[in-house]
Protein backbone atom coordinates (compact mmCIF):
# COMPACT_ATOMS: atom_id res chain seq x y z
CA UNK A 1 49.88 67.44 -1.83
CA UNK A 2 48.12 69.51 -4.44
CA UNK A 3 49.68 70.36 -7.79
CA UNK A 4 49.90 73.94 -9.02
CA UNK A 5 50.90 75.60 -12.27
CA UNK A 6 52.22 79.15 -12.42
CA UNK A 7 52.85 81.42 -15.41
CA UNK A 8 55.81 83.79 -15.44
CA UNK A 9 56.89 86.50 -17.91
CA UNK A 10 60.55 85.96 -18.80
CA UNK A 11 61.52 88.89 -20.97
CA UNK A 12 64.64 88.13 -22.97
CA UNK A 13 66.22 85.24 -21.05
CA UNK A 14 69.01 83.38 -22.87
CA UNK A 15 69.28 79.59 -22.57
CA UNK A 16 72.24 79.63 -20.11
CA UNK A 17 70.32 81.96 -17.77
CA UNK A 18 67.23 79.75 -18.06
CA UNK A 19 69.35 76.70 -17.20
CA UNK A 20 70.67 78.49 -14.11
CA UNK A 21 67.13 79.43 -13.08
CA UNK A 22 65.95 75.83 -13.51
CA UNK A 23 68.83 74.46 -11.44
CA UNK A 24 68.16 76.93 -8.64
CA UNK A 25 64.43 76.06 -8.54
CA UNK A 26 65.04 72.29 -8.52
CA UNK A 27 67.90 72.56 -6.01
CA UNK A 28 65.98 74.77 -3.57
CA UNK A 29 63.47 72.22 -2.30
CA UNK A 30 61.89 69.12 -3.77
CA UNK A 31 58.43 70.27 -4.80
CA UNK A 32 59.17 71.34 -8.41
CA UNK A 33 57.86 68.83 -10.97
CA UNK A 34 58.46 70.52 -14.31
CA UNK A 35 59.49 73.82 -15.87
CA UNK A 36 58.76 74.67 -19.50
CA UNK A 37 59.46 77.89 -21.36
CA UNK A 38 58.91 79.52 -24.72
CA UNK A 39 61.74 81.78 -25.84
CA UNK A 40 59.72 83.56 -28.52
CA UNK A 41 56.67 83.92 -26.28
CA UNK A 42 58.88 84.96 -23.34
CA UNK A 43 56.80 82.89 -20.90
CA UNK A 44 57.59 80.12 -18.43
CA UNK A 45 55.32 77.58 -16.72
CA UNK A 46 56.32 76.00 -13.42
CA UNK A 47 54.51 72.90 -12.15
CA UNK A 48 55.01 72.14 -8.47
CA UNK A 49 53.45 70.41 -5.45
CA UNK A 50 52.48 72.14 -2.20
CA UNK A 51 49.67 71.70 0.32
CA UNK A 52 47.52 74.77 -0.47
CA UNK A 53 47.27 78.12 -2.28
CA UNK A 54 49.01 80.09 0.48
CA UNK A 55 51.95 77.72 0.40
CA UNK A 56 52.02 77.97 -3.42
CA UNK A 57 52.46 81.75 -3.20
CA UNK A 58 55.09 81.40 -0.47
CA UNK A 59 56.98 78.71 -2.40
CA UNK A 60 57.24 80.95 -5.46
CA UNK A 61 58.19 83.99 -3.35
CA UNK A 62 61.01 82.03 -1.68
CA UNK A 63 62.43 81.30 -5.13
CA UNK A 64 62.04 84.93 -6.22
CA UNK A 65 59.54 83.96 -8.93
CA UNK A 66 56.77 86.48 -9.56
CA UNK A 67 53.79 84.78 -11.19
CA UNK A 68 51.35 86.33 -13.64
CA UNK A 69 48.89 83.74 -12.29
CA UNK A 70 48.79 80.57 -10.19
CA UNK A 71 46.32 77.75 -10.81
CA UNK A 72 45.59 74.62 -8.80
CA UNK A 73 45.46 71.55 -11.04
CA UNK A 74 42.47 69.29 -10.44
CA UNK A 75 42.31 67.19 -13.63
CA UNK A 76 44.70 65.99 -16.29
CA UNK A 77 44.60 64.06 -19.53
CA UNK A 78 47.36 62.80 -21.79
CA UNK A 79 45.39 60.14 -23.64
CA UNK A 80 41.83 61.50 -23.87
CA UNK A 81 40.67 60.10 -20.56
CA UNK A 82 40.26 62.48 -17.61
CA UNK A 83 41.93 61.76 -14.28
CA UNK A 84 41.73 63.63 -11.01
CA UNK A 85 45.08 64.77 -9.74
C-alpha cells in the first residue's frame, strides 16, 4: 500500500466539529493513519494508505473530503536519515 497526504481547506471549523469529522474518517474504513489541523491556518492534512492515485481520490470522495492537493509519499525522515516509505 502506498501512503498519501492530502491538504484540505477547513474554513472556520470548531473543535467539536473537527472531532466529529475525525471520528467519521477513522470509522469509515481502516486506511486513515493521521489527521492534523491548524485552526488559525484553517487547513487540515490527512495521511492515509491506498494502492494508487485513483484509489486515493476515490477514498477521499467517499468520505466527502475535497482536497486542495493530494501527494504520494515516497520518503520520510524523523531523525535526519531518509527512509523510503
